[in-house]
């Protein structure tokens, strides 16, 4: 799908530091920048996020379809209009998260996820995706050490989170031109500089 802007997504296991890095990257980029997140970003999608993260039990197919519904609204209402107007859009999670979380973690067929993602996004693919790679036990400990209450995903078993990481590593291996794997055990400033340098390189600003 063609557009006039530049679409950047950040992915990673729980506690990888995406939220910190996406806001620092936005500040470092010149121009009109929009920061958003999934699930969420629009009033409808934020309501889906509340359901998705708060319900203690949820079938795998329910997860997939809820995320797809939130994403469809997000792309249509917020992401695509801003890209078409020439903005840089930074999104905390996007379609790769569905592969990792609903595919590898929940075992849903990857071809089915590909079809659902295509419907939800209308064919929109990020210009660059950063995966902040971290052993899940480290990320979960970071979450436990923070003051924020844990979501139902963060309360799942370590084995579940290892499957998510496996999914992300598979995505990085399958699409090396689009996906950049970043070691999230590096210090915050070093990670930030990697993100800025690679983004400007892809945008042909360096």
N, C-alpha and C. Protein backbone atom coordinates (compact mmCIF):
# COMPACT_ATOMS: atom_id res chain seq x y z
N UNK A 1 0.84 -1.20 0.00
CA UNK A 1 0.00 0.00 0.00
C UNK A 1 0.88 1.26 0.00
N UNK A 2 0.68 2.13 -0.99
CA UNK A 2 1.49 3.33 -1.10
C UNK A 2 0.92 4.45 -0.23
N UNK A 3 1.82 5.26 0.31
CA UNK A 3 1.40 6.42 1.09
C UNK A 3 2.54 7.44 1.05
N UNK A 4 2.30 8.63 1.59
CA UNK A 4 3.28 9.71 1.50
C UNK A 4 4.17 9.83 2.73
N UNK A 5 3.88 9.07 3.79
CA UNK A 5 4.64 9.19 5.03
C UNK A 5 5.66 8.08 5.21
N UNK A 6 5.98 7.81 6.47
CA UNK A 6 6.94 6.76 6.81
C UNK A 6 6.42 6.05 8.05
N UNK A 7 6.29 4.73 7.96
CA UNK A 7 5.63 3.94 8.99
C UNK A 7 6.65 3.06 9.72
N UNK A 8 6.81 3.32 11.02
CA UNK A 8 7.79 2.61 11.86
C UNK A 8 7.04 1.87 12.96
N UNK A 9 7.38 0.60 13.18
CA UNK A 9 6.78 -0.14 14.28
C UNK A 9 7.87 -0.68 15.20
N UNK A 10 7.55 -0.74 16.49
CA UNK A 10 8.43 -1.33 17.49
C UNK A 10 7.74 -2.54 18.10
N UNK A 11 8.49 -3.64 18.21
CA UNK A 11 7.96 -4.89 18.72
C UNK A 11 8.90 -5.46 19.78
N UNK A 12 8.41 -6.44 20.54
CA UNK A 12 9.26 -7.10 21.51
C UNK A 12 8.44 -7.74 22.61
N UNK A 13 9.11 -8.58 23.39
CA UNK A 13 8.44 -9.25 24.51
C UNK A 13 8.10 -8.22 25.59
N UNK A 14 7.31 -8.66 26.56
CA UNK A 14 6.96 -7.78 27.68
C UNK A 14 8.23 -7.31 28.39
N UNK A 15 8.28 -6.01 28.68
CA UNK A 15 9.42 -5.47 29.41
C UNK A 15 10.64 -5.16 28.58
N UNK A 16 10.51 -5.19 27.26
CA UNK A 16 11.67 -4.95 26.39
C UNK A 16 12.04 -3.47 26.29
N UNK A 17 11.14 -2.57 26.70
CA UNK A 17 11.46 -1.14 26.69
C UNK A 17 10.91 -0.40 25.49
N UNK A 18 9.90 -0.95 24.82
CA UNK A 18 9.35 -0.33 23.62
C UNK A 18 8.80 1.07 23.88
N UNK A 19 8.03 1.21 24.95
CA UNK A 19 7.37 2.48 25.22
C UNK A 19 8.37 3.61 25.41
N UNK A 20 9.42 3.33 26.19
CA UNK A 20 10.48 4.32 26.40
C UNK A 20 11.13 4.70 25.08
N UNK A 21 11.49 3.70 24.29
CA UNK A 21 12.24 3.94 23.07
C UNK A 21 11.40 4.62 21.98
N UNK A 22 10.12 4.30 21.91
CA UNK A 22 9.31 4.88 20.84
C UNK A 22 9.13 6.39 21.07
N UNK A 23 9.00 6.81 22.31
CA UNK A 23 8.85 8.24 22.59
C UNK A 23 10.18 8.98 22.40
N UNK A 24 11.28 8.34 22.74
CA UNK A 24 12.59 8.98 22.51
C UNK A 24 12.87 9.11 21.02
N UNK A 25 12.49 8.08 20.26
CA UNK A 25 12.70 8.13 18.82
C UNK A 25 11.86 9.24 18.20
N UNK A 26 10.62 9.38 18.66
CA UNK A 26 9.75 10.44 18.14
C UNK A 26 10.35 11.81 18.37
N UNK A 27 10.94 12.01 19.53
CA UNK A 27 11.55 13.29 19.85
C UNK A 27 12.78 13.57 18.98
N UNK A 28 13.47 12.49 18.59
CA UNK A 28 14.71 12.66 17.83
C UNK A 28 14.47 12.91 16.35
N UNK A 29 13.29 12.58 15.86
CA UNK A 29 13.01 12.72 14.43
C UNK A 29 12.43 14.10 14.14
N UNK A 30 12.95 14.73 13.11
CA UNK A 30 12.41 16.01 12.69
C UNK A 30 11.15 15.78 11.87
N UNK A 31 10.22 16.70 11.95
CA UNK A 31 9.03 16.59 11.13
C UNK A 31 7.80 16.30 11.95
N UNK A 32 6.73 16.00 11.24
CA UNK A 32 5.43 15.75 11.86
C UNK A 32 5.34 14.28 12.24
N UNK A 33 5.35 13.98 13.54
CA UNK A 33 5.43 12.60 14.02
C UNK A 33 4.20 12.27 14.87
N UNK A 34 3.61 11.11 14.60
CA UNK A 34 2.50 10.61 15.40
C UNK A 34 2.95 9.33 16.10
N UNK A 35 2.71 9.26 17.42
CA UNK A 35 3.00 8.04 18.19
C UNK A 35 1.68 7.39 18.58
N UNK A 36 1.55 6.11 18.32
CA UNK A 36 0.33 5.40 18.68
C UNK A 36 0.68 3.99 19.15
N UNK A 37 -0.34 3.17 19.44
CA UNK A 37 -0.06 1.85 19.99
C UNK A 37 -1.15 0.86 19.60
N UNK A 38 -0.80 -0.43 19.73
CA UNK A 38 -1.78 -1.50 19.51
C UNK A 38 -1.75 -2.48 20.67
N UNK A 39 -2.91 -3.07 20.99
CA UNK A 39 -4.21 -2.58 20.55
C UNK A 39 -4.49 -1.20 21.14
N UNK A 40 -5.15 -0.37 20.38
CA UNK A 40 -5.46 0.97 20.85
C UNK A 40 -5.33 2.00 19.75
N UNK A 41 -5.17 3.25 20.14
CA UNK A 41 -4.94 4.33 19.20
C UNK A 41 -6.17 5.13 18.83
N UNK A 42 -7.34 4.50 18.86
CA UNK A 42 -8.60 5.19 18.59
C UNK A 42 -9.57 4.83 19.72
N UNK A 43 -10.67 5.59 19.88
CA UNK A 43 -11.61 5.26 20.96
C UNK A 43 -12.13 3.82 20.90
N UNK A 44 -12.50 3.36 19.71
CA UNK A 44 -12.98 1.98 19.57
C UNK A 44 -11.88 0.99 19.92
N UNK A 45 -10.69 1.22 19.38
CA UNK A 45 -9.58 0.29 19.60
C UNK A 45 -9.12 0.28 21.05
N UNK A 46 -9.21 1.41 21.74
CA UNK A 46 -8.84 1.45 23.16
C UNK A 46 -9.82 0.66 24.01
N UNK A 47 -11.10 0.68 23.62
CA UNK A 47 -12.08 -0.14 24.33
C UNK A 47 -11.78 -1.62 24.15
N UNK A 48 -11.37 -2.00 22.94
CA UNK A 48 -10.98 -3.38 22.69
C UNK A 48 -9.75 -3.73 23.52
N UNK A 49 -8.81 -2.80 23.63
CA UNK A 49 -7.61 -3.04 24.44
C UNK A 49 -7.98 -3.35 25.89
N UNK A 50 -8.91 -2.59 26.44
CA UNK A 50 -9.32 -2.81 27.83
C UNK A 50 -9.87 -4.23 28.01
N UNK A 51 -10.69 -4.66 27.07
CA UNK A 51 -11.23 -6.02 27.14
C UNK A 51 -10.12 -7.04 26.99
N UNK A 52 -9.27 -6.83 26.00
CA UNK A 52 -8.21 -7.79 25.68
C UNK A 52 -7.27 -8.02 26.85
N UNK A 53 -6.90 -6.95 27.56
CA UNK A 53 -5.90 -7.06 28.62
C UNK A 53 -6.50 -7.40 29.98
N UNK A 54 -7.80 -7.19 30.16
CA UNK A 54 -8.38 -7.36 31.49
C UNK A 54 -9.09 -8.70 31.70
N UNK A 55 -9.62 -9.27 30.64
CA UNK A 55 -10.35 -10.53 30.80
C UNK A 55 -9.39 -11.65 31.19
N UNK A 56 -9.66 -12.37 32.27
CA UNK A 56 -8.72 -13.39 32.75
C UNK A 56 -8.57 -14.59 31.83
N UNK A 57 -9.62 -14.94 31.11
CA UNK A 57 -9.55 -16.07 30.18
C UNK A 57 -10.12 -15.64 28.84
N UNK A 58 -9.47 -16.10 27.77
CA UNK A 58 -9.92 -15.73 26.44
C UNK A 58 -9.44 -16.77 25.44
N UNK A 59 -10.34 -17.25 24.59
CA UNK A 59 -9.99 -18.23 23.58
C UNK A 59 -9.02 -17.61 22.58
N UNK A 60 -8.17 -18.45 22.00
CA UNK A 60 -7.17 -17.98 21.05
C UNK A 60 -7.81 -17.27 19.87
N UNK A 61 -8.88 -17.83 19.33
CA UNK A 61 -9.56 -17.21 18.19
C UNK A 61 -10.17 -15.87 18.57
N UNK A 62 -10.68 -15.78 19.79
CA UNK A 62 -11.23 -14.52 20.27
C UNK A 62 -10.15 -13.45 20.30
N UNK A 63 -8.97 -13.81 20.83
CA UNK A 63 -7.84 -12.87 20.83
C UNK A 63 -7.55 -12.37 19.42
N UNK A 64 -7.44 -13.31 18.48
CA UNK A 64 -7.09 -12.96 17.11
C UNK A 64 -8.10 -11.99 16.50
N UNK A 65 -9.37 -12.29 16.67
CA UNK A 65 -10.40 -11.46 16.04
C UNK A 65 -10.57 -10.11 16.73
N UNK A 66 -10.39 -10.07 18.04
CA UNK A 66 -10.42 -8.79 18.75
C UNK A 66 -9.29 -7.88 18.28
N UNK A 67 -8.09 -8.44 18.21
CA UNK A 67 -6.94 -7.66 17.76
C UNK A 67 -7.14 -7.18 16.33
N UNK A 68 -7.66 -8.06 15.49
CA UNK A 68 -7.90 -7.68 14.09
C UNK A 68 -8.91 -6.55 13.98
N UNK A 69 -9.97 -6.62 14.79
CA UNK A 69 -10.98 -5.57 14.76
C UNK A 69 -10.39 -4.23 15.21
N UNK A 70 -9.63 -4.27 16.29
CA UNK A 70 -8.98 -3.05 16.78
C UNK A 70 -8.02 -2.49 15.74
N UNK A 71 -7.29 -3.38 15.08
CA UNK A 71 -6.31 -2.94 14.07
C UNK A 71 -6.99 -2.34 12.85
N UNK A 72 -8.07 -2.94 12.41
CA UNK A 72 -8.79 -2.41 11.25
C UNK A 72 -9.25 -0.98 11.50
N UNK A 73 -9.80 -0.74 12.69
CA UNK A 73 -10.25 0.60 13.05
C UNK A 73 -9.07 1.56 13.15
N UNK A 74 -7.98 1.08 13.74
CA UNK A 74 -6.77 1.88 13.94
C UNK A 74 -6.18 2.34 12.61
N UNK A 75 -6.06 1.39 11.68
CA UNK A 75 -5.49 1.72 10.37
C UNK A 75 -6.39 2.69 9.62
N UNK A 76 -7.68 2.39 9.60
CA UNK A 76 -8.62 3.20 8.83
C UNK A 76 -8.78 4.61 9.38
N UNK A 77 -8.90 4.70 10.70
CA UNK A 77 -9.21 6.00 11.32
C UNK A 77 -7.99 6.86 11.59
N UNK A 78 -6.86 6.22 11.91
CA UNK A 78 -5.72 7.01 12.40
C UNK A 78 -4.44 6.83 11.58
N UNK A 79 -3.98 5.60 11.43
CA UNK A 79 -2.66 5.39 10.83
C UNK A 79 -2.61 5.82 9.38
N UNK A 80 -3.50 5.29 8.56
CA UNK A 80 -3.44 5.58 7.12
C UNK A 80 -3.70 7.05 6.80
N UNK A 81 -4.68 7.71 7.40
CA UNK A 81 -4.86 9.14 7.10
C UNK A 81 -3.61 9.97 7.42
N UNK A 82 -2.94 9.63 8.51
CA UNK A 82 -1.72 10.37 8.87
C UNK A 82 -0.57 10.07 7.92
N UNK A 83 -0.45 8.83 7.50
CA UNK A 83 0.58 8.49 6.50
C UNK A 83 0.29 9.18 5.18
N UNK A 84 -0.96 9.21 4.79
CA UNK A 84 -1.32 9.86 3.53
C UNK A 84 -1.07 11.36 3.55
N UNK A 85 -1.08 11.94 4.76
CA UNK A 85 -0.80 13.38 4.87
C UNK A 85 0.69 13.66 4.99
N UNK A 86 1.51 12.60 4.95
CA UNK A 86 2.96 12.77 4.95
C UNK A 86 3.64 12.67 6.29
N UNK A 87 2.91 12.26 7.32
CA UNK A 87 3.50 12.17 8.65
C UNK A 87 4.35 10.91 8.82
N UNK A 88 5.25 10.98 9.80
CA UNK A 88 5.94 9.79 10.29
C UNK A 88 5.05 9.19 11.38
N UNK A 89 4.69 7.93 11.24
CA UNK A 89 3.86 7.26 12.24
C UNK A 89 4.68 6.19 12.93
N UNK A 90 4.76 6.29 14.26
CA UNK A 90 5.44 5.29 15.09
C UNK A 90 4.39 4.52 15.88
N UNK A 91 4.40 3.20 15.74
CA UNK A 91 3.38 2.39 16.40
C UNK A 91 4.02 1.34 17.31
N UNK A 92 3.57 1.33 18.55
CA UNK A 92 4.01 0.36 19.55
C UNK A 92 3.19 -0.92 19.33
N UNK A 93 3.78 -1.87 18.62
CA UNK A 93 3.19 -3.13 18.15
C UNK A 93 2.31 -2.92 16.92
N UNK A 94 2.34 -3.95 16.05
CA UNK A 94 1.46 -3.96 14.87
C UNK A 94 1.27 -5.42 14.47
N UNK A 95 1.19 -5.69 13.19
CA UNK A 95 0.80 -7.03 12.73
C UNK A 95 1.79 -8.13 13.12
N UNK A 96 3.06 -7.81 13.29
CA UNK A 96 4.03 -8.84 13.71
C UNK A 96 3.72 -9.38 15.10
N UNK A 97 3.11 -8.54 15.94
CA UNK A 97 2.74 -8.98 17.28
C UNK A 97 1.72 -10.11 17.22
N UNK A 98 0.85 -10.07 16.21
CA UNK A 98 -0.16 -11.12 16.07
C UNK A 98 0.49 -12.45 15.72
N UNK A 99 1.53 -12.41 14.91
CA UNK A 99 2.28 -13.63 14.59
C UNK A 99 2.90 -14.20 15.86
N UNK A 100 3.53 -13.33 16.66
CA UNK A 100 4.23 -13.78 17.86
C UNK A 100 3.27 -14.24 18.96
N UNK A 101 2.24 -13.44 19.21
CA UNK A 101 1.36 -13.70 20.35
C UNK A 101 0.23 -14.70 20.04
N UNK A 102 -0.42 -14.53 18.90
CA UNK A 102 -1.51 -15.45 18.60
C UNK A 102 -1.04 -16.65 17.78
N UNK A 103 0.04 -16.47 17.04
CA UNK A 103 0.58 -17.58 16.27
C UNK A 103 1.45 -18.50 17.10
N UNK A 104 2.60 -18.01 17.54
CA UNK A 104 3.55 -18.85 18.27
C UNK A 104 3.08 -19.14 19.70
N UNK A 105 2.53 -18.13 20.36
CA UNK A 105 2.09 -18.34 21.74
C UNK A 105 0.82 -19.18 21.83
N UNK A 106 -0.14 -18.91 20.96
CA UNK A 106 -1.45 -19.58 21.03
C UNK A 106 -1.61 -20.71 20.01
N UNK A 107 -0.69 -20.80 19.05
CA UNK A 107 -0.73 -21.92 18.11
C UNK A 107 -1.70 -21.79 16.96
N UNK A 108 -2.19 -20.58 16.68
CA UNK A 108 -3.08 -20.40 15.53
C UNK A 108 -2.26 -20.50 14.24
N UNK A 109 -2.85 -21.13 13.23
CA UNK A 109 -2.17 -21.33 11.96
C UNK A 109 -1.65 -20.00 11.39
N UNK A 110 -0.39 -19.98 11.00
CA UNK A 110 0.23 -18.74 10.55
C UNK A 110 -0.34 -18.24 9.22
N UNK A 111 -0.78 -19.15 8.37
CA UNK A 111 -1.41 -18.72 7.11
C UNK A 111 -2.73 -18.01 7.38
N UNK A 112 -3.47 -18.52 8.38
CA UNK A 112 -4.72 -17.86 8.75
C UNK A 112 -4.43 -16.47 9.31
N UNK A 113 -3.40 -16.36 10.15
CA UNK A 113 -3.04 -15.05 10.71
C UNK A 113 -2.64 -14.09 9.59
N UNK A 114 -1.91 -14.58 8.61
CA UNK A 114 -1.52 -13.74 7.48
C UNK A 114 -2.75 -13.19 6.76
N UNK A 115 -3.76 -14.05 6.56
CA UNK A 115 -4.99 -13.61 5.90
C UNK A 115 -5.73 -12.57 6.73
N UNK A 116 -5.86 -12.83 8.03
CA UNK A 116 -6.56 -11.90 8.91
C UNK A 116 -5.83 -10.57 8.99
N UNK A 117 -4.50 -10.62 9.08
CA UNK A 117 -3.71 -9.39 9.12
C UNK A 117 -3.90 -8.58 7.84
N UNK A 118 -3.95 -9.25 6.72
CA UNK A 118 -4.11 -8.56 5.44
C UNK A 118 -5.46 -7.85 5.38
N UNK A 119 -6.50 -8.52 5.89
CA UNK A 119 -7.82 -7.89 5.92
C UNK A 119 -7.82 -6.68 6.86
N UNK A 120 -7.24 -6.86 8.05
CA UNK A 120 -7.26 -5.80 9.06
C UNK A 120 -6.45 -4.58 8.64
N UNK A 121 -5.34 -4.80 7.94
CA UNK A 121 -4.45 -3.69 7.57
C UNK A 121 -4.73 -3.13 6.19
N UNK A 122 -5.52 -3.85 5.39
CA UNK A 122 -5.71 -3.43 4.01
C UNK A 122 -4.44 -3.54 3.19
N UNK A 123 -3.49 -4.34 3.67
CA UNK A 123 -2.22 -4.51 2.98
C UNK A 123 -1.12 -3.57 3.43
N UNK A 124 -1.38 -2.77 4.45
CA UNK A 124 -0.38 -1.83 4.95
C UNK A 124 0.74 -2.59 5.68
N UNK A 125 1.99 -2.31 5.29
CA UNK A 125 3.17 -2.95 5.89
C UNK A 125 4.11 -1.84 6.37
N UNK A 126 4.70 -1.99 7.55
CA UNK A 126 5.64 -0.96 8.03
C UNK A 126 6.82 -0.80 7.09
N UNK A 127 7.33 0.42 7.01
CA UNK A 127 8.55 0.67 6.25
C UNK A 127 9.76 0.08 6.95
N UNK A 128 9.73 0.10 8.27
CA UNK A 128 10.78 -0.54 9.07
C UNK A 128 10.18 -0.98 10.40
N UNK A 129 10.60 -2.14 10.85
CA UNK A 129 10.16 -2.67 12.14
C UNK A 129 11.38 -2.98 12.99
N UNK A 130 11.39 -2.45 14.20
CA UNK A 130 12.44 -2.77 15.17
C UNK A 130 11.88 -3.78 16.17
N UNK A 131 12.58 -4.89 16.32
CA UNK A 131 12.23 -5.86 17.36
C UNK A 131 13.28 -5.75 18.46
N UNK A 132 12.84 -5.32 19.64
CA UNK A 132 13.73 -5.22 20.79
C UNK A 132 13.78 -6.60 21.43
N UNK A 133 14.90 -7.29 21.21
CA UNK A 133 15.01 -8.69 21.63
C UNK A 133 15.57 -8.80 23.03
N UNK A 134 14.87 -9.58 23.86
CA UNK A 134 15.24 -9.70 25.27
C UNK A 134 14.80 -11.07 25.78
N UNK A 135 15.65 -11.77 26.56
CA UNK A 135 15.17 -12.98 27.21
C UNK A 135 13.96 -12.65 28.06
N UNK A 136 12.87 -13.40 27.91
CA UNK A 136 11.62 -13.01 28.58
C UNK A 136 11.71 -12.98 30.10
N UNK A 137 12.60 -13.79 30.68
CA UNK A 137 12.71 -13.76 32.14
C UNK A 137 13.22 -12.39 32.63
N UNK A 138 14.06 -11.75 31.82
CA UNK A 138 14.54 -10.41 32.17
C UNK A 138 13.42 -9.39 32.04
N UNK A 139 12.68 -9.49 30.95
CA UNK A 139 11.57 -8.56 30.73
C UNK A 139 10.50 -8.68 31.79
N UNK A 140 10.18 -9.90 32.18
CA UNK A 140 9.15 -10.10 33.19
C UNK A 140 9.59 -9.57 34.55
N UNK A 141 10.89 -9.72 34.83
CA UNK A 141 11.39 -9.18 36.09
C UNK A 141 11.32 -7.66 36.10
N UNK A 142 11.61 -7.05 34.97
CA UNK A 142 11.47 -5.59 34.86
C UNK A 142 10.03 -5.17 35.15
N UNK A 143 9.08 -5.93 34.62
CA UNK A 143 7.68 -5.61 34.85
C UNK A 143 7.32 -5.75 36.32
N UNK A 144 7.80 -6.81 36.95
CA UNK A 144 7.50 -7.04 38.37
C UNK A 144 8.12 -5.95 39.24
N UNK A 145 9.26 -5.42 38.82
CA UNK A 145 9.95 -4.40 39.59
C UNK A 145 9.32 -3.01 39.43
N UNK A 146 8.47 -2.86 38.43
CA UNK A 146 7.82 -1.56 38.21
C UNK A 146 6.60 -1.44 39.13
N UNK A 147 6.04 -0.24 39.18
CA UNK A 147 4.88 0.00 40.04
C UNK A 147 3.55 -0.31 39.34
N UNK A 148 3.61 -0.65 38.05
CA UNK A 148 2.39 -0.86 37.29
C UNK A 148 1.81 -2.26 37.55
N UNK A 149 0.48 -2.36 37.65
CA UNK A 149 -0.13 -3.69 37.81
C UNK A 149 0.10 -4.54 36.57
N UNK A 150 0.24 -5.84 36.76
CA UNK A 150 0.52 -6.74 35.65
C UNK A 150 -0.77 -7.08 34.91
N UNK A 151 -0.70 -7.12 33.58
CA UNK A 151 -1.83 -7.53 32.76
C UNK A 151 -1.91 -9.05 32.73
N UNK A 152 -2.99 -9.57 32.15
CA UNK A 152 -3.14 -11.03 32.10
C UNK A 152 -2.04 -11.67 31.26
N UNK A 153 -1.55 -10.96 30.24
CA UNK A 153 -0.46 -11.50 29.43
C UNK A 153 0.83 -11.59 30.24
N UNK A 154 1.10 -10.55 31.00
CA UNK A 154 2.32 -10.52 31.81
C UNK A 154 2.29 -11.56 32.93
N UNK A 155 1.11 -12.03 33.29
CA UNK A 155 0.97 -13.03 34.34
C UNK A 155 1.05 -14.46 33.80
N UNK A 156 1.19 -14.61 32.49
CA UNK A 156 1.29 -15.94 31.92
C UNK A 156 2.65 -16.57 32.23
N UNK A 157 2.79 -17.87 31.93
CA UNK A 157 3.99 -18.62 32.28
C UNK A 157 5.20 -18.14 31.47
N UNK A 158 6.37 -18.43 32.00
CA UNK A 158 7.60 -18.11 31.29
C UNK A 158 7.65 -18.82 29.94
N UNK A 159 7.16 -20.05 29.90
CA UNK A 159 7.14 -20.81 28.65
C UNK A 159 6.31 -20.09 27.58
N UNK A 160 5.20 -19.49 27.99
CA UNK A 160 4.37 -18.73 27.07
C UNK A 160 5.15 -17.56 26.48
N UNK A 161 5.88 -16.86 27.31
CA UNK A 161 6.66 -15.71 26.85
C UNK A 161 7.85 -16.13 25.99
N UNK A 162 8.38 -17.30 26.24
CA UNK A 162 9.46 -17.82 25.39
C UNK A 162 8.95 -18.09 23.98
N UNK A 163 7.71 -18.54 23.87
CA UNK A 163 7.10 -18.77 22.56
C UNK A 163 6.94 -17.45 21.81
N UNK A 164 6.58 -16.40 22.54
CA UNK A 164 6.45 -15.07 21.92
C UNK A 164 7.80 -14.64 21.34
N UNK A 165 8.85 -14.80 22.12
CA UNK A 165 10.18 -14.42 21.63
C UNK A 165 10.56 -15.25 20.41
N UNK A 166 10.25 -16.53 20.44
CA UNK A 166 10.53 -17.41 19.30
C UNK A 166 9.83 -16.88 18.05
N UNK A 167 8.60 -16.43 18.22
CA UNK A 167 7.86 -15.88 17.09
C UNK A 167 8.51 -14.63 16.53
N UNK A 168 8.93 -13.76 17.40
CA UNK A 168 9.59 -12.53 16.94
C UNK A 168 10.90 -12.83 16.21
N UNK A 169 11.66 -13.77 16.73
CA UNK A 169 12.93 -14.13 16.08
C UNK A 169 12.66 -14.73 14.70
N UNK A 170 11.58 -15.48 14.57
CA UNK A 170 11.21 -16.05 13.28
C UNK A 170 10.85 -14.95 12.29
N UNK A 171 10.12 -13.94 12.76
CA UNK A 171 9.76 -12.80 11.90
C UNK A 171 11.02 -12.08 11.42
N UNK A 172 11.96 -11.85 12.33
CA UNK A 172 13.20 -11.16 11.98
C UNK A 172 14.00 -11.95 10.94
N UNK A 173 14.02 -13.26 11.09
CA UNK A 173 14.75 -14.11 10.15
C UNK A 173 14.09 -14.14 8.78
N UNK A 174 12.74 -14.09 8.77
CA UNK A 174 12.00 -14.20 7.52
C UNK A 174 12.04 -12.92 6.70
N UNK A 175 12.15 -11.76 7.36
CA UNK A 175 12.10 -10.48 6.65
C UNK A 175 13.23 -9.54 7.06
N UNK A 176 14.46 -9.92 6.75
CA UNK A 176 15.60 -9.10 7.20
C UNK A 176 15.67 -7.72 6.57
N UNK A 177 15.03 -7.53 5.42
CA UNK A 177 15.07 -6.22 4.78
C UNK A 177 14.20 -5.20 5.52
N UNK A 178 13.09 -5.68 6.07
CA UNK A 178 12.17 -4.79 6.78
C UNK A 178 12.46 -4.74 8.28
N UNK A 179 12.86 -5.87 8.85
CA UNK A 179 12.94 -6.01 10.30
C UNK A 179 14.38 -5.90 10.79
N UNK A 180 14.58 -5.06 11.78
CA UNK A 180 15.89 -4.88 12.41
C UNK A 180 15.82 -5.38 13.85
N UNK A 181 16.65 -6.36 14.17
CA UNK A 181 16.68 -6.93 15.51
C UNK A 181 17.66 -6.13 16.37
N UNK A 182 17.21 -5.68 17.53
CA UNK A 182 18.01 -4.87 18.44
C UNK A 182 18.15 -5.59 19.78
N UNK A 183 19.36 -5.65 20.29
CA UNK A 183 19.61 -6.26 21.59
C UNK A 183 19.09 -5.34 22.70
N UNK A 184 17.99 -5.73 23.33
CA UNK A 184 17.37 -4.88 24.35
C UNK A 184 18.06 -4.97 25.71
N UNK A 185 19.16 -5.73 25.79
CA UNK A 185 19.95 -5.76 27.02
C UNK A 185 20.99 -4.65 27.03
N UNK A 186 21.16 -3.97 25.90
CA UNK A 186 22.06 -2.82 25.86
C UNK A 186 21.47 -1.69 26.69
N UNK A 187 22.30 -0.70 27.01
CA UNK A 187 21.78 0.42 27.80
C UNK A 187 20.83 1.26 26.95
N UNK A 188 19.98 2.00 27.62
CA UNK A 188 18.89 2.74 26.97
C UNK A 188 19.41 3.70 25.91
N UNK A 189 20.49 4.40 26.19
CA UNK A 189 21.02 5.38 25.24
C UNK A 189 21.58 4.71 23.99
N UNK A 190 22.24 3.57 24.16
CA UNK A 190 22.79 2.86 23.01
C UNK A 190 21.69 2.34 22.11
N UNK A 191 20.64 1.78 22.71
CA UNK A 191 19.49 1.31 21.93
C UNK A 191 18.88 2.47 21.16
N UNK A 192 18.70 3.59 21.84
CA UNK A 192 18.12 4.77 21.20
C UNK A 192 18.94 5.20 19.99
N UNK A 193 20.25 5.21 20.13
CA UNK A 193 21.10 5.64 19.01
C UNK A 193 21.01 4.68 17.84
N UNK A 194 20.92 3.38 18.12
CA UNK A 194 20.72 2.40 17.05
C UNK A 194 19.42 2.68 16.29
N UNK A 195 18.35 2.97 17.03
CA UNK A 195 17.06 3.22 16.40
C UNK A 195 17.10 4.48 15.54
N UNK A 196 17.70 5.54 16.08
CA UNK A 196 17.78 6.80 15.33
C UNK A 196 18.61 6.63 14.06
N UNK A 197 19.77 6.01 14.20
CA UNK A 197 20.66 5.85 13.04
C UNK A 197 20.02 5.01 11.94
N UNK A 198 19.41 3.91 12.33
CA UNK A 198 18.80 3.02 11.33
C UNK A 198 17.59 3.68 10.68
N UNK A 199 16.80 4.40 11.46
CA UNK A 199 15.64 5.09 10.92
C UNK A 199 16.04 6.14 9.91
N UNK A 200 17.01 6.96 10.26
CA UNK A 200 17.46 8.01 9.35
C UNK A 200 18.11 7.42 8.10
N UNK A 201 18.78 6.30 8.27
CA UNK A 201 19.36 5.62 7.12
C UNK A 201 18.27 5.15 6.16
N UNK A 202 17.22 4.53 6.71
CA UNK A 202 16.12 4.04 5.88
C UNK A 202 15.35 5.20 5.24
N UNK A 203 15.29 6.32 5.93
CA UNK A 203 14.58 7.48 5.40
C UNK A 203 15.49 8.32 4.50
N UNK A 204 16.71 7.83 4.33
CA UNK A 204 17.72 8.50 3.50
C UNK A 204 18.02 9.91 3.99
N UNK A 205 18.11 10.02 5.32
CA UNK A 205 18.44 11.31 5.94
C UNK A 205 19.90 11.37 6.37
N UNK A 206 20.61 10.26 6.25
CA UNK A 206 22.03 10.25 6.64
C UNK A 206 22.90 10.20 5.39
